[in-house]
N, C-alpha and C. Protein backbone atom coordinates (compact mmCIF):
# COMPACT_ATOMS: atom_id res chain seq x y z
N UNK A 1 100.95 74.45 105.06
CA UNK A 1 100.80 75.82 104.61
C UNK A 1 100.10 75.81 103.26
N UNK A 2 99.07 76.61 103.13
CA UNK A 2 98.28 76.71 101.90
C UNK A 2 98.93 77.68 100.93
N UNK A 3 98.57 77.54 99.65
CA UNK A 3 99.06 78.49 98.65
C UNK A 3 98.20 79.75 98.68
N UNK A 4 98.72 80.80 98.07
CA UNK A 4 97.99 82.06 97.99
C UNK A 4 96.64 81.86 97.30
N UNK A 5 96.60 81.10 96.23
CA UNK A 5 95.34 80.86 95.52
C UNK A 5 94.35 80.08 96.37
N UNK A 6 94.82 79.10 97.13
CA UNK A 6 93.92 78.33 98.00
C UNK A 6 93.30 79.23 99.06
N UNK A 7 94.12 80.06 99.70
CA UNK A 7 93.63 80.97 100.73
C UNK A 7 92.71 82.01 100.11
N UNK A 8 93.08 82.55 98.94
CA UNK A 8 92.25 83.54 98.26
C UNK A 8 90.89 82.99 97.88
N UNK A 9 90.85 81.79 97.34
CA UNK A 9 89.57 81.18 96.98
C UNK A 9 88.72 80.94 98.22
N UNK A 10 89.31 80.44 99.27
CA UNK A 10 88.56 80.16 100.51
C UNK A 10 87.98 81.44 101.10
N UNK A 11 88.75 82.55 101.03
CA UNK A 11 88.32 83.82 101.62
C UNK A 11 87.59 84.72 100.61
N UNK A 12 87.23 84.15 99.45
CA UNK A 12 86.49 84.87 98.40
C UNK A 12 87.21 86.15 97.97
N UNK A 13 88.53 86.15 98.03
CA UNK A 13 89.37 87.26 97.59
C UNK A 13 88.96 88.57 98.26
N UNK A 14 88.74 88.52 99.57
CA UNK A 14 88.47 89.72 100.38
C UNK A 14 89.48 89.76 101.51
N UNK A 15 90.01 90.94 101.77
CA UNK A 15 90.98 91.14 102.85
C UNK A 15 90.27 90.96 104.19
N UNK A 16 90.82 90.12 105.04
CA UNK A 16 90.16 89.87 106.33
C UNK A 16 90.33 91.03 107.29
N UNK A 17 91.24 91.95 107.01
CA UNK A 17 91.46 93.09 107.90
C UNK A 17 90.60 94.29 107.54
N UNK A 18 90.55 94.66 106.27
CA UNK A 18 89.77 95.84 105.87
C UNK A 18 88.46 95.47 105.18
N UNK A 19 88.27 94.20 104.85
CA UNK A 19 87.05 93.68 104.23
C UNK A 19 86.82 94.22 102.82
N UNK A 20 87.87 94.66 102.15
CA UNK A 20 87.77 95.15 100.78
C UNK A 20 88.26 94.06 99.83
N UNK A 21 87.81 94.08 98.56
CA UNK A 21 88.26 93.06 97.60
C UNK A 21 89.77 93.10 97.37
N UNK A 22 90.33 91.93 97.14
CA UNK A 22 91.75 91.79 96.82
C UNK A 22 91.83 91.29 95.38
N UNK A 23 92.60 91.97 94.56
CA UNK A 23 92.75 91.58 93.16
C UNK A 23 93.74 90.42 93.07
N UNK A 24 93.26 89.23 92.66
CA UNK A 24 94.15 88.07 92.59
C UNK A 24 95.26 88.23 91.55
N UNK A 25 95.06 89.13 90.58
CA UNK A 25 96.05 89.32 89.53
C UNK A 25 97.03 90.45 89.82
N UNK A 26 96.83 91.17 90.93
CA UNK A 26 97.75 92.26 91.28
C UNK A 26 99.10 91.67 91.73
N UNK A 27 100.13 92.44 91.54
CA UNK A 27 101.45 92.01 91.98
C UNK A 27 101.50 91.93 93.50
N UNK A 28 102.13 90.90 94.02
CA UNK A 28 102.26 90.76 95.47
C UNK A 28 103.19 91.82 96.04
N UNK A 29 103.86 92.57 95.18
CA UNK A 29 104.77 93.63 95.62
C UNK A 29 104.10 94.99 95.71
N UNK A 30 102.80 95.09 95.36
CA UNK A 30 102.09 96.36 95.46
C UNK A 30 101.30 96.39 96.76
N UNK A 31 100.96 97.58 97.21
CA UNK A 31 100.24 97.74 98.48
C UNK A 31 98.90 97.03 98.49
N UNK A 32 98.17 97.05 97.37
CA UNK A 32 96.86 96.41 97.30
C UNK A 32 96.93 94.99 96.78
N UNK A 33 98.15 94.48 96.59
CA UNK A 33 98.33 93.10 96.13
C UNK A 33 98.02 92.09 97.22
N UNK A 34 97.80 90.83 96.84
CA UNK A 34 97.44 89.80 97.81
C UNK A 34 98.63 89.30 98.63
N UNK A 35 98.35 88.96 99.88
CA UNK A 35 99.34 88.31 100.73
C UNK A 35 98.60 87.42 101.71
N UNK A 36 99.33 86.50 102.30
CA UNK A 36 98.73 85.59 103.27
C UNK A 36 99.23 85.97 104.65
N UNK A 37 98.30 86.24 105.55
CA UNK A 37 98.63 86.53 106.95
C UNK A 37 98.62 85.20 107.67
N UNK A 38 99.74 84.86 108.29
CA UNK A 38 99.86 83.55 108.95
C UNK A 38 99.12 83.48 110.27
N UNK A 39 98.70 84.61 110.83
CA UNK A 39 97.95 84.60 112.08
C UNK A 39 98.83 84.42 113.31
N UNK A 40 100.14 84.59 113.20
CA UNK A 40 101.02 84.44 114.36
C UNK A 40 100.89 85.64 115.28
N UNK A 41 100.91 85.38 116.56
CA UNK A 41 100.85 86.47 117.54
C UNK A 41 102.27 86.88 117.90
N UNK A 42 102.45 87.98 118.63
CA UNK A 42 103.79 88.44 118.95
C UNK A 42 104.61 87.42 119.74
N UNK A 43 103.97 86.54 120.47
CA UNK A 43 104.70 85.56 121.26
C UNK A 43 104.93 84.26 120.49
N UNK A 44 104.62 84.26 119.20
CA UNK A 44 104.86 83.09 118.38
C UNK A 44 103.75 82.05 118.43
N UNK A 45 102.68 82.31 119.17
CA UNK A 45 101.57 81.38 119.23
C UNK A 45 100.59 81.71 118.13
N UNK A 46 99.83 80.72 117.72
CA UNK A 46 98.81 80.96 116.71
C UNK A 46 97.69 81.78 117.32
N UNK A 47 97.18 82.71 116.58
CA UNK A 47 96.08 83.55 117.06
C UNK A 47 94.80 82.72 117.12
N UNK A 48 93.94 83.04 118.08
CA UNK A 48 92.69 82.32 118.24
C UNK A 48 91.75 82.55 117.06
N UNK A 49 91.89 83.66 116.37
CA UNK A 49 90.99 83.98 115.28
C UNK A 49 91.23 83.08 114.08
N UNK A 50 92.36 82.46 113.96
CA UNK A 50 92.61 81.52 112.87
C UNK A 50 93.88 81.83 112.13
N UNK A 51 94.36 80.85 111.43
CA UNK A 51 95.61 80.99 110.71
C UNK A 51 95.33 81.14 109.22
N UNK A 52 96.28 81.69 108.53
CA UNK A 52 96.27 81.84 107.08
C UNK A 52 95.00 82.50 106.56
N UNK A 53 95.03 83.80 106.57
CA UNK A 53 93.93 84.61 106.05
C UNK A 53 94.46 85.49 104.93
N UNK A 54 93.61 85.78 103.95
CA UNK A 54 93.99 86.65 102.85
C UNK A 54 93.96 88.10 103.31
N UNK A 55 94.97 88.85 102.94
CA UNK A 55 95.04 90.28 103.28
C UNK A 55 95.73 91.02 102.15
N UNK A 56 95.44 92.32 102.03
CA UNK A 56 96.24 93.16 101.15
C UNK A 56 97.65 93.21 101.75
N UNK A 57 98.64 93.34 100.92
CA UNK A 57 100.01 93.42 101.42
C UNK A 57 100.16 94.58 102.41
N UNK A 58 99.58 95.74 102.10
CA UNK A 58 99.69 96.90 102.99
C UNK A 58 98.98 96.65 104.32
N UNK A 59 97.82 96.03 104.29
CA UNK A 59 97.09 95.74 105.54
C UNK A 59 97.89 94.77 106.40
N UNK A 60 98.46 93.75 105.77
CA UNK A 60 99.24 92.75 106.48
C UNK A 60 100.51 93.37 107.07
N UNK A 61 101.16 94.23 106.30
CA UNK A 61 102.38 94.88 106.77
C UNK A 61 102.09 95.84 107.92
N UNK A 62 101.01 96.60 107.78
CA UNK A 62 100.62 97.56 108.83
C UNK A 62 100.31 96.83 110.13
N UNK A 63 99.66 95.68 110.03
CA UNK A 63 99.32 94.90 111.21
C UNK A 63 100.57 94.33 111.86
N UNK A 64 101.52 93.90 111.04
CA UNK A 64 102.75 93.31 111.58
C UNK A 64 102.45 92.05 112.37
N UNK A 65 103.15 91.85 113.46
CA UNK A 65 102.98 90.66 114.28
C UNK A 65 102.23 90.98 115.57
N UNK A 66 101.34 91.96 115.49
CA UNK A 66 100.53 92.32 116.66
C UNK A 66 99.07 91.99 116.35
N UNK A 67 98.25 92.03 117.37
CA UNK A 67 96.83 91.77 117.17
C UNK A 67 96.26 92.82 116.20
N UNK A 68 95.50 92.38 115.22
CA UNK A 68 94.93 93.35 114.28
C UNK A 68 93.79 94.12 114.91
N UNK A 69 93.51 95.27 114.33
CA UNK A 69 92.35 96.05 114.73
C UNK A 69 91.40 96.03 113.54
N UNK A 70 90.22 95.49 113.77
CA UNK A 70 89.20 95.43 112.73
C UNK A 70 88.16 96.47 113.07
N UNK A 71 88.05 97.46 112.23
CA UNK A 71 87.17 98.60 112.52
C UNK A 71 85.71 98.30 112.23
N UNK A 72 84.84 98.94 112.99
CA UNK A 72 83.41 98.92 112.71
C UNK A 72 83.18 99.86 111.52
N UNK A 73 82.14 99.60 110.76
CA UNK A 73 81.83 100.44 109.60
C UNK A 73 81.51 101.86 110.05
N UNK A 74 82.07 102.87 109.40
CA UNK A 74 81.75 104.26 109.75
C UNK A 74 80.31 104.63 109.39
N UNK A 75 79.63 103.79 108.63
CA UNK A 75 78.24 104.05 108.26
C UNK A 75 77.26 103.69 109.37
N UNK A 76 77.75 103.01 110.41
CA UNK A 76 76.88 102.59 111.51
C UNK A 76 76.85 103.66 112.60
N UNK A 77 75.70 103.76 113.27
CA UNK A 77 75.58 104.68 114.40
C UNK A 77 75.64 103.83 115.66
N UNK A 78 76.87 103.58 116.12
CA UNK A 78 77.09 102.78 117.34
C UNK A 78 77.91 103.61 118.32
N UNK A 79 77.62 103.42 119.60
CA UNK A 79 78.31 104.13 120.66
C UNK A 79 79.14 103.11 121.44
N UNK A 80 80.39 103.44 121.69
CA UNK A 80 81.29 102.56 122.42
C UNK A 80 81.30 101.13 121.89
N UNK A 81 81.60 100.96 120.59
CA UNK A 81 81.63 99.59 120.07
C UNK A 81 82.79 98.80 120.67
N UNK A 82 82.55 97.54 120.95
CA UNK A 82 83.60 96.68 121.50
C UNK A 82 84.62 96.36 120.41
N UNK A 83 85.88 96.22 120.77
CA UNK A 83 86.88 95.80 119.78
C UNK A 83 86.52 94.40 119.25
N UNK A 84 86.49 94.25 117.95
CA UNK A 84 86.02 93.00 117.35
C UNK A 84 86.96 91.83 117.62
N UNK A 85 88.26 92.01 117.45
CA UNK A 85 89.19 90.88 117.59
C UNK A 85 89.18 90.30 119.01
N UNK A 86 89.32 91.10 120.08
CA UNK A 86 89.25 90.51 121.42
C UNK A 86 87.90 89.86 121.73
N UNK A 87 86.83 90.44 121.20
CA UNK A 87 85.50 89.85 121.41
C UNK A 87 85.43 88.47 120.76
N UNK A 88 85.91 88.35 119.53
CA UNK A 88 85.92 87.06 118.84
C UNK A 88 86.79 86.06 119.59
N UNK A 89 87.96 86.51 120.07
CA UNK A 89 88.85 85.63 120.82
C UNK A 89 88.15 85.09 122.08
N UNK A 90 87.49 85.98 122.83
CA UNK A 90 86.80 85.55 124.06
C UNK A 90 85.66 84.59 123.77
N UNK A 91 84.84 84.91 122.78
CA UNK A 91 83.71 84.04 122.46
C UNK A 91 84.18 82.70 121.91
N UNK A 92 85.30 82.68 121.21
CA UNK A 92 85.85 81.43 120.70
C UNK A 92 86.32 80.55 121.86
N UNK A 93 86.98 81.17 122.86
CA UNK A 93 87.51 80.41 124.00
C UNK A 93 86.43 80.02 125.00
N UNK A 94 85.55 80.97 125.32
CA UNK A 94 84.64 80.78 126.45
C UNK A 94 83.18 80.61 126.08
N UNK A 95 82.78 81.02 124.88
CA UNK A 95 81.37 81.02 124.53
C UNK A 95 80.66 82.14 125.26
N UNK A 96 79.37 81.98 125.48
CA UNK A 96 78.61 82.98 126.22
C UNK A 96 78.11 84.10 125.35
N UNK A 97 77.95 85.28 125.96
CA UNK A 97 77.42 86.45 125.27
C UNK A 97 78.13 87.70 125.73
N UNK A 98 78.16 88.70 124.86
CA UNK A 98 78.78 89.99 125.19
C UNK A 98 77.98 91.11 124.57
N UNK A 99 77.84 92.20 125.30
CA UNK A 99 77.29 93.42 124.73
C UNK A 99 78.42 94.06 123.93
N UNK A 100 78.17 94.29 122.66
CA UNK A 100 79.24 94.78 121.80
C UNK A 100 79.06 96.23 121.36
N UNK A 101 77.87 96.79 121.56
CA UNK A 101 77.66 98.20 121.19
C UNK A 101 76.34 98.70 121.77
N UNK A 102 76.26 100.02 121.87
CA UNK A 102 75.00 100.69 122.21
C UNK A 102 74.60 101.53 121.02
N UNK A 103 73.29 101.59 120.77
CA UNK A 103 72.78 102.38 119.65
C UNK A 103 71.61 103.22 120.13
N UNK A 104 71.42 104.42 119.54
CA UNK A 104 70.34 105.29 119.98
C UNK A 104 68.95 104.82 119.57
N UNK A 105 68.84 104.01 118.52
CA UNK A 105 67.53 103.52 118.08
C UNK A 105 67.59 102.03 117.76
N UNK A 106 66.43 101.39 117.78
CA UNK A 106 66.35 99.98 117.43
C UNK A 106 66.80 99.78 115.98
N UNK A 107 66.43 100.68 115.09
CA UNK A 107 66.82 100.56 113.68
C UNK A 107 68.34 100.59 113.54
N UNK A 108 69.01 101.49 114.28
CA UNK A 108 70.48 101.55 114.24
C UNK A 108 71.07 100.24 114.74
N UNK A 109 70.52 99.70 115.82
CA UNK A 109 71.04 98.45 116.40
C UNK A 109 70.82 97.28 115.45
N UNK A 110 69.67 97.24 114.80
CA UNK A 110 69.40 96.14 113.85
C UNK A 110 70.31 96.23 112.63
N UNK A 111 70.56 97.45 112.15
CA UNK A 111 71.50 97.63 111.02
C UNK A 111 72.90 97.18 111.43
N UNK A 112 73.33 97.54 112.64
CA UNK A 112 74.65 97.12 113.13
C UNK A 112 74.70 95.60 113.30
N UNK A 113 73.61 94.99 113.73
CA UNK A 113 73.58 93.53 113.92
C UNK A 113 73.76 92.81 112.59
N UNK A 114 73.07 93.28 111.56
CA UNK A 114 73.20 92.67 110.23
C UNK A 114 74.63 92.82 109.72
N UNK A 115 75.21 94.03 109.87
CA UNK A 115 76.58 94.27 109.42
C UNK A 115 77.56 93.37 110.17
N UNK A 116 77.40 93.27 111.50
CA UNK A 116 78.33 92.49 112.31
C UNK A 116 78.29 91.01 111.96
N UNK A 117 77.11 90.45 111.77
CA UNK A 117 77.02 89.04 111.38
C UNK A 117 77.68 88.80 110.03
N UNK A 118 77.46 89.71 109.08
CA UNK A 118 78.07 89.58 107.76
C UNK A 118 79.59 89.67 107.87
N UNK A 119 80.08 90.64 108.65
CA UNK A 119 81.54 90.83 108.81
C UNK A 119 82.18 89.63 109.47
N UNK A 120 81.53 89.11 110.52
CA UNK A 120 82.10 87.95 111.23
C UNK A 120 82.04 86.68 110.41
N UNK A 121 81.12 86.59 109.47
CA UNK A 121 81.06 85.40 108.61
C UNK A 121 82.32 85.26 107.76
N UNK A 122 82.99 86.39 107.50
CA UNK A 122 84.26 86.35 106.76
C UNK A 122 85.46 86.43 107.69
N UNK A 123 85.35 87.21 108.74
CA UNK A 123 86.47 87.41 109.66
C UNK A 123 86.74 86.18 110.51
N UNK A 124 85.70 85.57 111.04
CA UNK A 124 85.83 84.38 111.90
C UNK A 124 84.77 83.36 111.51
N UNK A 125 84.92 82.75 110.32
CA UNK A 125 83.86 81.85 109.83
C UNK A 125 83.63 80.63 110.71
N UNK A 126 84.62 80.25 111.51
CA UNK A 126 84.46 79.08 112.37
C UNK A 126 83.66 79.37 113.64
N UNK A 127 83.39 80.64 113.92
CA UNK A 127 82.66 81.04 115.12
C UNK A 127 81.18 81.21 114.78
N UNK A 128 80.35 80.37 115.35
CA UNK A 128 78.90 80.47 115.14
C UNK A 128 78.33 81.45 116.17
N UNK A 129 77.75 82.54 115.70
CA UNK A 129 77.22 83.56 116.59
C UNK A 129 75.84 84.02 116.13
N UNK A 130 75.12 84.60 117.06
CA UNK A 130 73.83 85.22 116.76
C UNK A 130 73.82 86.58 117.45
N UNK A 131 73.02 87.49 116.92
CA UNK A 131 72.89 88.81 117.54
C UNK A 131 71.52 88.96 118.16
N UNK A 132 71.44 89.87 119.08
CA UNK A 132 70.18 90.17 119.75
C UNK A 132 70.19 91.66 120.08
N UNK A 133 69.06 92.31 119.90
CA UNK A 133 68.92 93.73 120.24
C UNK A 133 68.03 93.80 121.48
N UNK A 134 68.56 94.45 122.52
CA UNK A 134 67.82 94.58 123.78
C UNK A 134 67.69 96.05 124.15
N UNK A 135 66.50 96.42 124.62
CA UNK A 135 66.29 97.79 125.10
C UNK A 135 66.92 97.91 126.48
N UNK A 136 67.54 99.06 126.74
CA UNK A 136 68.15 99.25 128.05
C UNK A 136 68.61 100.68 128.25
N UNK A 137 68.11 101.33 129.29
CA UNK A 137 68.57 102.66 129.65
C UNK A 137 68.30 103.71 128.61
N UNK A 138 67.20 103.61 127.88
CA UNK A 138 66.87 104.59 126.86
C UNK A 138 67.63 104.39 125.56
N UNK A 139 68.43 103.33 125.48
CA UNK A 139 69.18 103.01 124.26
C UNK A 139 68.91 101.55 123.93
N UNK A 140 69.57 101.08 122.90
CA UNK A 140 69.43 99.68 122.50
C UNK A 140 70.80 99.04 122.49
N UNK A 141 70.90 97.91 123.15
CA UNK A 141 72.16 97.19 123.28
C UNK A 141 72.23 96.12 122.20
N UNK A 142 73.38 96.04 121.55
CA UNK A 142 73.63 94.99 120.57
C UNK A 142 74.43 93.90 121.27
N UNK A 143 73.85 92.71 121.34
CA UNK A 143 74.45 91.59 122.05
C UNK A 143 74.89 90.55 121.04
N UNK A 144 76.10 90.04 121.19
CA UNK A 144 76.63 88.96 120.36
C UNK A 144 76.74 87.73 121.23
N UNK A 145 76.16 86.62 120.76
CA UNK A 145 76.11 85.39 121.54
C UNK A 145 76.64 84.24 120.72
N UNK A 146 77.53 83.44 121.33
CA UNK A 146 78.03 82.23 120.68
C UNK A 146 76.93 81.18 120.71
N UNK A 147 76.73 80.50 119.59
CA UNK A 147 75.69 79.46 119.52
C UNK A 147 76.30 78.10 119.31
């Protein structure tokens, strides 16, 4: 088991759930204070996304011992975005590729692709992925592929 400082340094003091900065000097008893999420699933097994991640105390408490929900940025124009955590779990186990969102324009899809790669670099750093934008049905599909 790592210390809070070790996990914080490794995760660049960013909450893996909300992706906002975590103040290393804040009290661990405050909502925005640092805590370590052990990554345990409800059945006591380690989560596929990884163990020991830095989180705000409130984010970690809200998540509890269930699978976390990692939201897509509200600044993106994506339609029917795939849930990030199950997608990461599947790509970690099986590899391959998945369509993760539809966008009305190529520019929207490319913006979402850049955001998603950046988010996954912190959320699941052990998962090597690439994005691809494909035209389809008058929209643009954002594809995430394990490499």
